[in-house]
mmCIF file of all heavy atoms, coordinates in Angstrom:
data_MODEL
# 
_entry.id   MODEL 
# 
loop_
_atom_site.group_PDB 
_atom_site.id 
_atom_site.type_symbol 
_atom_site.label_atom_id 
_atom_site.label_alt_id 
_atom_site.label_comp_id 
_atom_site.label_asym_id 
_atom_site.label_entity_id 
_atom_site.label_seq_id 
_atom_site.pdbx_PDB_ins_code 
_atom_site.Cartn_x 
_atom_site.Cartn_y 
_atom_site.Cartn_z 
_atom_site.occupancy 
_atom_site.B_iso_or_equiv 
_atom_site.pdbx_formal_charge 
_atom_site.auth_seq_id 
_atom_site.auth_comp_id 
_atom_site.auth_asym_id 
_atom_site.auth_atom_id 
_atom_site.pdbx_PDB_model_num 
ATOM 1   N N   . ASP A 1 1  ? 8.829  3.644   -6.805  1.00 0.00 ? 1  ASP A N   1 
ATOM 2   C CA  . ASP A 1 1  ? 8.054  2.681   -6.016  1.00 0.00 ? 1  ASP A CA  1 
ATOM 3   C C   . ASP A 1 1  ? 7.959  1.316   -6.695  1.00 0.00 ? 1  ASP A C   1 
ATOM 4   O O   . ASP A 1 1  ? 7.998  0.282   -6.034  1.00 0.00 ? 1  ASP A O   1 
ATOM 5   C CB  . ASP A 1 1  ? 6.650  3.221   -5.744  1.00 0.00 ? 1  ASP A CB  1 
ATOM 6   C CG  . ASP A 1 1  ? 6.666  4.341   -4.713  1.00 0.00 ? 1  ASP A CG  1 
ATOM 7   O OD1 . ASP A 1 1  ? 7.708  4.483   -4.029  1.00 0.00 ? 1  ASP A OD1 1 
ATOM 8   O OD2 . ASP A 1 1  ? 5.666  5.070   -4.599  1.00 0.00 ? 1  ASP A OD2 1 
ATOM 9   N N   . ALA A 1 2  ? 7.824  1.293   -8.016  1.00 0.00 ? 2  ALA A N   1 
ATOM 10  C CA  . ALA A 1 2  ? 7.712  0.017   -8.727  1.00 0.00 ? 2  ALA A CA  1 
ATOM 11  C C   . ALA A 1 2  ? 8.987  -0.805  -8.546  1.00 0.00 ? 2  ALA A C   1 
ATOM 12  O O   . ALA A 1 2  ? 8.936  -2.025  -8.308  1.00 0.00 ? 2  ALA A O   1 
ATOM 13  C CB  . ALA A 1 2  ? 7.433  0.260   -10.205 1.00 0.00 ? 2  ALA A CB  1 
ATOM 14  N N   . PHE A 1 3  ? 10.140 -0.128  -8.639  1.00 0.00 ? 3  PHE A N   1 
ATOM 15  C CA  . PHE A 1 3  ? 11.406 -0.839  -8.428  1.00 0.00 ? 3  PHE A CA  1 
ATOM 16  C C   . PHE A 1 3  ? 11.504 -1.359  -7.007  1.00 0.00 ? 3  PHE A C   1 
ATOM 17  O O   . PHE A 1 3  ? 11.957 -2.502  -6.778  1.00 0.00 ? 3  PHE A O   1 
ATOM 18  C CB  . PHE A 1 3  ? 12.579 0.094   -8.730  1.00 0.00 ? 3  PHE A CB  1 
ATOM 19  C CG  . PHE A 1 3  ? 13.912 -0.462  -8.306  1.00 0.00 ? 3  PHE A CG  1 
ATOM 20  C CD1 . PHE A 1 3  ? 14.539 -1.439  -9.073  1.00 0.00 ? 3  PHE A CD1 1 
ATOM 21  C CD2 . PHE A 1 3  ? 14.527 -0.028  -7.138  1.00 0.00 ? 3  PHE A CD2 1 
ATOM 22  C CE1 . PHE A 1 3  ? 15.762 -1.963  -8.687  1.00 0.00 ? 3  PHE A CE1 1 
ATOM 23  C CE2 . PHE A 1 3  ? 15.747 -0.547  -6.747  1.00 0.00 ? 3  PHE A CE2 1 
ATOM 24  C CZ  . PHE A 1 3  ? 16.367 -1.511  -7.516  1.00 0.00 ? 3  PHE A CZ  1 
ATOM 25  N N   . MET A 1 4  ? 11.091 -0.551  -6.015  1.00 0.00 ? 4  MET A N   1 
ATOM 26  C CA  . MET A 1 4  ? 11.162 -0.973  -4.618  1.00 0.00 ? 4  MET A CA  1 
ATOM 27  C C   . MET A 1 4  ? 10.237 -2.154  -4.353  1.00 0.00 ? 4  MET A C   1 
ATOM 28  O O   . MET A 1 4  ? 10.564 -3.048  -3.561  1.00 0.00 ? 4  MET A O   1 
ATOM 29  C CB  . MET A 1 4  ? 10.804 0.194   -3.697  1.00 0.00 ? 4  MET A CB  1 
ATOM 30  C CG  . MET A 1 4  ? 11.801 1.346   -3.743  1.00 0.00 ? 4  MET A CG  1 
ATOM 31  S SD  . MET A 1 4  ? 13.495 0.837   -3.355  1.00 0.00 ? 4  MET A SD  1 
ATOM 32  C CE  . MET A 1 4  ? 13.291 0.206   -1.681  1.00 0.00 ? 4  MET A CE  1 
ATOM 33  N N   . ILE A 1 5  ? 9.099  -2.199  -5.023  1.00 0.00 ? 5  ILE A N   1 
ATOM 34  C CA  . ILE A 1 5  ? 8.182  -3.326  -4.857  1.00 0.00 ? 5  ILE A CA  1 
ATOM 35  C C   . ILE A 1 5  ? 8.815  -4.598  -5.411  1.00 0.00 ? 5  ILE A C   1 
ATOM 36  O O   . ILE A 1 5  ? 8.746  -5.674  -4.788  1.00 0.00 ? 5  ILE A O   1 
ATOM 37  C CB  . ILE A 1 5  ? 6.841  -3.035  -5.557  1.00 0.00 ? 5  ILE A CB  1 
ATOM 38  C CG1 . ILE A 1 5  ? 6.087  -1.951  -4.794  1.00 0.00 ? 5  ILE A CG1 1 
ATOM 39  C CG2 . ILE A 1 5  ? 5.995  -4.300  -5.655  1.00 0.00 ? 5  ILE A CG2 1 
ATOM 40  C CD1 . ILE A 1 5  ? 5.785  -2.303  -3.348  1.00 0.00 ? 5  ILE A CD1 1 
ATOM 41  N N   . TYR A 1 6  ? 9.455  -4.495  -6.571  1.00 0.00 ? 6  TYR A N   1 
ATOM 42  C CA  . TYR A 1 6  ? 10.142 -5.668  -7.124  1.00 0.00 ? 6  TYR A CA  1 
ATOM 43  C C   . TYR A 1 6  ? 11.253 -6.136  -6.187  1.00 0.00 ? 6  TYR A C   1 
ATOM 44  O O   . TYR A 1 6  ? 11.466 -7.339  -6.002  1.00 0.00 ? 6  TYR A O   1 
ATOM 45  C CB  . TYR A 1 6  ? 10.721 -5.323  -8.500  1.00 0.00 ? 6  TYR A CB  1 
ATOM 46  C CG  . TYR A 1 6  ? 9.744  -5.527  -9.635  1.00 0.00 ? 6  TYR A CG  1 
ATOM 47  C CD1 . TYR A 1 6  ? 8.567  -4.802  -9.714  1.00 0.00 ? 6  TYR A CD1 1 
ATOM 48  C CD2 . TYR A 1 6  ? 9.999  -6.468  -10.630 1.00 0.00 ? 6  TYR A CD2 1 
ATOM 49  C CE1 . TYR A 1 6  ? 7.676  -4.980  -10.746 1.00 0.00 ? 6  TYR A CE1 1 
ATOM 50  C CE2 . TYR A 1 6  ? 9.110  -6.664  -11.672 1.00 0.00 ? 6  TYR A CE2 1 
ATOM 51  C CZ  . TYR A 1 6  ? 7.942  -5.913  -11.725 1.00 0.00 ? 6  TYR A CZ  1 
ATOM 52  O OH  . TYR A 1 6  ? 7.043  -6.110  -12.745 1.00 0.00 ? 6  TYR A OH  1 
ATOM 53  N N   . LEU A 1 7  ? 11.967 -5.177  -5.595  1.00 0.00 ? 7  LEU A N   1 
ATOM 54  C CA  . LEU A 1 7  ? 13.047 -5.530  -4.669  1.00 0.00 ? 7  LEU A CA  1 
ATOM 55  C C   . LEU A 1 7  ? 12.493 -6.209  -3.424  1.00 0.00 ? 7  LEU A C   1 
ATOM 56  O O   . LEU A 1 7  ? 13.043 -7.212  -2.944  1.00 0.00 ? 7  LEU A O   1 
ATOM 57  C CB  . LEU A 1 7  ? 13.842 -4.274  -4.303  1.00 0.00 ? 7  LEU A CB  1 
ATOM 58  C CG  . LEU A 1 7  ? 15.047 -4.481  -3.377  1.00 0.00 ? 7  LEU A CG  1 
ATOM 59  C CD1 . LEU A 1 7  ? 16.063 -5.421  -4.030  1.00 0.00 ? 7  LEU A CD1 1 
ATOM 60  C CD2 . LEU A 1 7  ? 15.693 -3.133  -3.038  1.00 0.00 ? 7  LEU A CD2 1 
ATOM 61  N N   . LYS A 1 8  ? 11.392 -5.688  -2.877  1.00 0.00 ? 8  LYS A N   1 
ATOM 62  C CA  . LYS A 1 8  ? 10.777 -6.302  -1.696  1.00 0.00 ? 8  LYS A CA  1 
ATOM 63  C C   . LYS A 1 8  ? 10.280 -7.701  -1.993  1.00 0.00 ? 8  LYS A C   1 
ATOM 64  O O   . LYS A 1 8  ? 10.441 -8.626  -1.187  1.00 0.00 ? 8  LYS A O   1 
ATOM 65  C CB  . LYS A 1 8  ? 9.625  -5.429  -1.186  1.00 0.00 ? 8  LYS A CB  1 
ATOM 66  C CG  . LYS A 1 8  ? 10.067 -4.132  -0.535  1.00 0.00 ? 8  LYS A CG  1 
ATOM 67  C CD  . LYS A 1 8  ? 8.871  -3.335  -0.050  1.00 0.00 ? 8  LYS A CD  1 
ATOM 68  C CE  . LYS A 1 8  ? 9.299  -2.022  0.591   1.00 0.00 ? 8  LYS A CE  1 
ATOM 69  N NZ  . LYS A 1 8  ? 8.128  -1.233  1.038   1.00 0.00 ? 8  LYS A NZ  1 
ATOM 70  N N   . LEU A 1 9  ? 9.663  -7.870  -3.167  1.00 0.00 ? 9  LEU A N   1 
ATOM 71  C CA  . LEU A 1 9  ? 9.187  -9.197  -3.544  1.00 0.00 ? 9  LEU A CA  1 
ATOM 72  C C   . LEU A 1 9  ? 10.355 -10.174 -3.688  1.00 0.00 ? 9  LEU A C   1 
ATOM 73  O O   . LEU A 1 9  ? 10.243 -11.340 -3.288  1.00 0.00 ? 9  LEU A O   1 
ATOM 74  C CB  . LEU A 1 9  ? 8.406  -9.111  -4.861  1.00 0.00 ? 9  LEU A CB  1 
ATOM 75  C CG  . LEU A 1 9  ? 6.965  -8.630  -4.779  1.00 0.00 ? 9  LEU A CG  1 
ATOM 76  C CD1 . LEU A 1 9  ? 6.370  -8.480  -6.173  1.00 0.00 ? 9  LEU A CD1 1 
ATOM 77  C CD2 . LEU A 1 9  ? 6.119  -9.583  -3.940  1.00 0.00 ? 9  LEU A CD2 1 
ATOM 78  N N   . ALA A 1 10 ? 11.457 -9.705  -4.251  1.00 0.00 ? 10 ALA A N   1 
ATOM 79  C CA  . ALA A 1 10 ? 12.622 -10.577 -4.391  1.00 0.00 ? 10 ALA A CA  1 
ATOM 80  C C   . ALA A 1 10 ? 13.175 -10.967 -3.026  1.00 0.00 ? 10 ALA A C   1 
ATOM 81  O O   . ALA A 1 10 ? 13.552 -12.127 -2.801  1.00 0.00 ? 10 ALA A O   1 
ATOM 82  C CB  . ALA A 1 10 ? 13.700 -9.883  -5.217  1.00 0.00 ? 10 ALA A CB  1 
ATOM 83  N N   . LEU A 1 11 ? 13.204 -10.027 -2.086  1.00 0.00 ? 11 LEU A N   1 
ATOM 84  C CA  . LEU A 1 11 ? 13.704 -10.328 -0.747  1.00 0.00 ? 11 LEU A CA  1 
ATOM 85  C C   . LEU A 1 11 ? 12.756 -11.269 -0.004  1.00 0.00 ? 11 LEU A C   1 
ATOM 86  O O   . LEU A 1 11 ? 13.202 -12.192 0.686   1.00 0.00 ? 11 LEU A O   1 
ATOM 87  C CB  . LEU A 1 11 ? 13.895 -9.026  0.046   1.00 0.00 ? 11 LEU A CB  1 
ATOM 88  C CG  . LEU A 1 11 ? 15.032 -8.122  -0.434  1.00 0.00 ? 11 LEU A CG  1 
ATOM 89  C CD1 . LEU A 1 11 ? 15.034 -6.821  0.358   1.00 0.00 ? 11 LEU A CD1 1 
ATOM 90  C CD2 . LEU A 1 11 ? 16.369 -8.826  -0.320  1.00 0.00 ? 11 LEU A CD2 1 
ATOM 91  N N   . ILE A 1 12 ? 11.457 -11.041 -0.143  1.00 0.00 ? 12 ILE A N   1 
ATOM 92  C CA  . ILE A 1 12 ? 10.484 -11.918 0.517   1.00 0.00 ? 12 ILE A CA  1 
ATOM 93  C C   . ILE A 1 12 ? 10.547 -13.328 -0.069  1.00 0.00 ? 12 ILE A C   1 
ATOM 94  O O   . ILE A 1 12 ? 10.614 -14.326 0.653   1.00 0.00 ? 12 ILE A O   1 
ATOM 95  C CB  . ILE A 1 12 ? 9.067  -11.331 0.396   1.00 0.00 ? 12 ILE A CB  1 
ATOM 96  C CG1 . ILE A 1 12 ? 8.966  -10.033 1.204   1.00 0.00 ? 12 ILE A CG1 1 
ATOM 97  C CG2 . ILE A 1 12 ? 8.025  -12.335 0.886   1.00 0.00 ? 12 ILE A CG2 1 
ATOM 98  C CD1 . ILE A 1 12 ? 7.646  -9.303  1.008   1.00 0.00 ? 12 ILE A CD1 1 
ATOM 99  N N   . GLY A 1 13 ? 10.527 -13.405 -1.404  1.00 0.00 ? 13 GLY A N   1 
ATOM 100 C CA  . GLY A 1 13 ? 10.625 -14.718 -2.037  1.00 0.00 ? 13 GLY A CA  1 
ATOM 101 C C   . GLY A 1 13 ? 11.947 -15.398 -1.751  1.00 0.00 ? 13 GLY A C   1 
ATOM 102 O O   . GLY A 1 13 ? 12.004 -16.616 -1.537  1.00 0.00 ? 13 GLY A O   1 
ATOM 103 N N   . GLY A 1 14 ? 13.036 -14.611 -1.731  1.00 0.00 ? 14 GLY A N   1 
ATOM 104 C CA  . GLY A 1 14 ? 14.325 -15.185 -1.377  1.00 0.00 ? 14 GLY A CA  1 
ATOM 105 C C   . GLY A 1 14 ? 14.373 -15.678 0.045   1.00 0.00 ? 14 GLY A C   1 
ATOM 106 O O   . GLY A 1 14 ? 15.014 -16.698 0.346   1.00 0.00 ? 14 GLY A O   1 
ATOM 107 N N   . GLY A 1 15 ? 13.674 -14.978 0.937   1.00 0.00 ? 15 GLY A N   1 
ATOM 108 C CA  . GLY A 1 15 ? 13.606 -15.446 2.322   1.00 0.00 ? 15 GLY A CA  1 
ATOM 109 C C   . GLY A 1 15 ? 12.904 -16.782 2.445   1.00 0.00 ? 15 GLY A C   1 
ATOM 110 O O   . GLY A 1 15 ? 13.355 -17.666 3.187   1.00 0.00 ? 15 GLY A O   1 
ATOM 111 N N   . PHE A 1 16 ? 11.805 -16.939 1.707   1.00 0.00 ? 16 PHE A N   1 
ATOM 112 C CA  . PHE A 1 16 ? 11.112 -18.229 1.723   1.00 0.00 ? 16 PHE A CA  1 
ATOM 113 C C   . PHE A 1 16 ? 11.973 -19.321 1.102   1.00 0.00 ? 16 PHE A C   1 
ATOM 114 O O   . PHE A 1 16 ? 12.035 -20.444 1.604   1.00 0.00 ? 16 PHE A O   1 
ATOM 115 C CB  . PHE A 1 16 ? 9.785  -18.119 0.961   1.00 0.00 ? 16 PHE A CB  1 
ATOM 116 C CG  . PHE A 1 16 ? 8.661  -17.553 1.774   1.00 0.00 ? 16 PHE A CG  1 
ATOM 117 C CD1 . PHE A 1 16 ? 8.275  -16.236 1.624   1.00 0.00 ? 16 PHE A CD1 1 
ATOM 118 C CD2 . PHE A 1 16 ? 7.995  -18.331 2.699   1.00 0.00 ? 16 PHE A CD2 1 
ATOM 119 C CE1 . PHE A 1 16 ? 7.254  -15.706 2.371   1.00 0.00 ? 16 PHE A CE1 1 
ATOM 120 C CE2 . PHE A 1 16 ? 6.964  -17.812 3.461   1.00 0.00 ? 16 PHE A CE2 1 
ATOM 121 C CZ  . PHE A 1 16 ? 6.588  -16.498 3.295   1.00 0.00 ? 16 PHE A CZ  1 
ATOM 122 N N   . LEU A 1 17 ? 12.639 -18.997 -0.015  1.00 0.00 ? 17 LEU A N   1 
ATOM 123 C CA  . LEU A 1 17 ? 13.436 -20.003 -0.708  1.00 0.00 ? 17 LEU A CA  1 
ATOM 124 C C   . LEU A 1 17 ? 14.663 -20.404 0.108   1.00 0.00 ? 17 LEU A C   1 
ATOM 125 O O   . LEU A 1 17 ? 15.050 -21.576 0.138   1.00 0.00 ? 17 LEU A O   1 
ATOM 126 C CB  . LEU A 1 17 ? 13.861 -19.459 -2.073  1.00 0.00 ? 17 LEU A CB  1 
ATOM 127 C CG  . LEU A 1 17 ? 14.573 -20.436 -3.011  1.00 0.00 ? 17 LEU A CG  1 
ATOM 128 C CD1 . LEU A 1 17 ? 13.660 -21.611 -3.343  1.00 0.00 ? 17 LEU A CD1 1 
ATOM 129 C CD2 . LEU A 1 17 ? 14.988 -19.722 -4.297  1.00 0.00 ? 17 LEU A CD2 1 
ATOM 130 N N   . ALA A 1 18 ? 15.270 -19.436 0.781   1.00 0.00 ? 18 ALA A N   1 
ATOM 131 C CA  . ALA A 1 18 ? 16.460 -19.724 1.587   1.00 0.00 ? 18 ALA A CA  1 
ATOM 132 C C   . ALA A 1 18 ? 16.120 -20.126 3.006   1.00 0.00 ? 18 ALA A C   1 
ATOM 133 O O   . ALA A 1 18 ? 17.041 -20.400 3.788   1.00 0.00 ? 18 ALA A O   1 
ATOM 134 C CB  . ALA A 1 18 ? 17.378 -18.498 1.609   1.00 0.00 ? 18 ALA A CB  1 
ATOM 135 N N   . GLY A 1 19 ? 14.838 -20.184 3.339   1.00 0.00 ? 19 GLY A N   1 
ATOM 136 C CA  . GLY A 1 19 ? 14.441 -20.531 4.696   1.00 0.00 ? 19 GLY A CA  1 
ATOM 137 C C   . GLY A 1 19 ? 15.006 -21.854 5.198   1.00 0.00 ? 19 GLY A C   1 
ATOM 138 O O   . GLY A 1 19 ? 15.527 -21.917 6.322   1.00 0.00 ? 19 GLY A O   1 
ATOM 139 N N   . PRO A 1 20 ? 14.953 -22.935 4.405   1.00 0.00 ? 20 PRO A N   1 
ATOM 140 C CA  . PRO A 1 20 ? 15.542 -24.198 4.876   1.00 0.00 ? 20 PRO A CA  1 
ATOM 141 C C   . PRO A 1 20 ? 17.031 -24.102 5.163   1.00 0.00 ? 20 PRO A C   1 
ATOM 142 O O   . PRO A 1 20 ? 17.520 -24.709 6.118   1.00 0.00 ? 20 PRO A O   1 
ATOM 143 C CB  . PRO A 1 20 ? 15.250 -25.169 3.720   1.00 0.00 ? 20 PRO A CB  1 
ATOM 144 C CG  . PRO A 1 20 ? 14.044 -24.611 3.049   1.00 0.00 ? 20 PRO A CG  1 
ATOM 145 C CD  . PRO A 1 20 ? 14.189 -23.124 3.161   1.00 0.00 ? 20 PRO A CD  1 
ATOM 146 N N   . VAL A 1 21 ? 17.766 -23.322 4.353   1.00 0.00 ? 21 VAL A N   1 
ATOM 147 C CA  . VAL A 1 21 ? 19.200 -23.173 4.599   1.00 0.00 ? 21 VAL A CA  1 
ATOM 148 C C   . VAL A 1 21 ? 19.436 -22.419 5.909   1.00 0.00 ? 21 VAL A C   1 
ATOM 149 O O   . VAL A 1 21 ? 20.293 -22.810 6.724   1.00 0.00 ? 21 VAL A O   1 
ATOM 150 C CB  . VAL A 1 21 ? 19.870 -22.435 3.425   1.00 0.00 ? 21 VAL A CB  1 
ATOM 151 C CG1 . VAL A 1 21 ? 21.351 -22.215 3.704   1.00 0.00 ? 21 VAL A CG1 1 
ATOM 152 C CG2 . VAL A 1 21 ? 19.689 -23.219 2.139   1.00 0.00 ? 21 VAL A CG2 1 
ATOM 153 N N   . VAL A 1 22 ? 18.696 -21.341 6.124   1.00 0.00 ? 22 VAL A N   1 
ATOM 154 C CA  . VAL A 1 22 ? 18.841 -20.568 7.360   1.00 0.00 ? 22 VAL A CA  1 
ATOM 155 C C   . VAL A 1 22 ? 18.469 -21.424 8.568   1.00 0.00 ? 22 VAL A C   1 
ATOM 156 O O   . VAL A 1 22 ? 19.161 -21.418 9.605   1.00 0.00 ? 22 VAL A O   1 
ATOM 157 C CB  . VAL A 1 22 ? 17.970 -19.305 7.297   1.00 0.00 ? 22 VAL A CB  1 
ATOM 158 C CG1 . VAL A 1 22 ? 18.033 -18.538 8.616   1.00 0.00 ? 22 VAL A CG1 1 
ATOM 159 C CG2 . VAL A 1 22 ? 18.411 -18.406 6.142   1.00 0.00 ? 22 VAL A CG2 1 
ATOM 160 N N   . LEU A 1 23 ? 17.380 -22.181 8.420   1.00 0.00 ? 23 LEU A N   1 
ATOM 161 C CA  . LEU A 1 23 ? 16.965 -23.041 9.523   1.00 0.00 ? 23 LEU A CA  1 
ATOM 162 C C   . LEU A 1 23 ? 18.006 -24.120 9.810   1.00 0.00 ? 23 LEU A C   1 
ATOM 163 O O   . LEU A 1 23 ? 18.281 -24.447 10.979  1.00 0.00 ? 23 LEU A O   1 
ATOM 164 C CB  . LEU A 1 23 ? 15.614 -23.681 9.180   1.00 0.00 ? 23 LEU A CB  1 
ATOM 165 C CG  . LEU A 1 23 ? 14.973 -24.560 10.265  1.00 0.00 ? 23 LEU A CG  1 
ATOM 166 C CD1 . LEU A 1 23 ? 14.725 -23.751 11.532  1.00 0.00 ? 23 LEU A CD1 1 
ATOM 167 C CD2 . LEU A 1 23 ? 13.674 -25.165 9.754   1.00 0.00 ? 23 LEU A CD2 1 
ATOM 168 N N   . TRP A 1 24 ? 18.607 -24.665 8.766   1.00 0.00 ? 24 TRP A N   1 
ATOM 169 C CA  . TRP A 1 24 ? 19.626 -25.696 8.959   1.00 0.00 ? 24 TRP A CA  1 
ATOM 170 C C   . TRP A 1 24 ? 20.864 -25.121 9.643   1.00 0.00 ? 24 TRP A C   1 
ATOM 171 O O   . TRP A 1 24 ? 21.472 -25.793 10.485  1.00 0.00 ? 24 TRP A O   1 
ATOM 172 C CB  . TRP A 1 24 ? 19.990 -26.312 7.620   1.00 0.00 ? 24 TRP A CB  1 
ATOM 173 C CG  . TRP A 1 24 ? 21.006 -27.407 7.726   1.00 0.00 ? 24 TRP A CG  1 
ATOM 174 C CD1 . TRP A 1 24 ? 22.285 -27.404 7.251   1.00 0.00 ? 24 TRP A CD1 1 
ATOM 175 C CD2 . TRP A 1 24 ? 20.828 -28.674 8.361   1.00 0.00 ? 24 TRP A CD2 1 
ATOM 176 N NE1 . TRP A 1 24 ? 22.919 -28.579 7.529   1.00 0.00 ? 24 TRP A NE1 1 
ATOM 177 C CE2 . TRP A 1 24 ? 22.047 -29.386 8.226   1.00 0.00 ? 24 TRP A CE2 1 
ATOM 178 C CE3 . TRP A 1 24 ? 19.765 -29.283 9.023   1.00 0.00 ? 24 TRP A CE3 1 
ATOM 179 C CZ2 . TRP A 1 24 ? 22.227 -30.668 8.737   1.00 0.00 ? 24 TRP A CZ2 1 
ATOM 180 C CZ3 . TRP A 1 24 ? 19.946 -30.562 9.537   1.00 0.00 ? 24 TRP A CZ3 1 
ATOM 181 C CH2 . TRP A 1 24 ? 21.154 -31.237 9.394   1.00 0.00 ? 24 TRP A CH2 1 
# 
């Protein structure tokens, strides 16, 4: 579960960080 939480956080944070690129 700890690994999955880190993975989810990375995906969520990556989604926010890549949001401008996806929107563009």
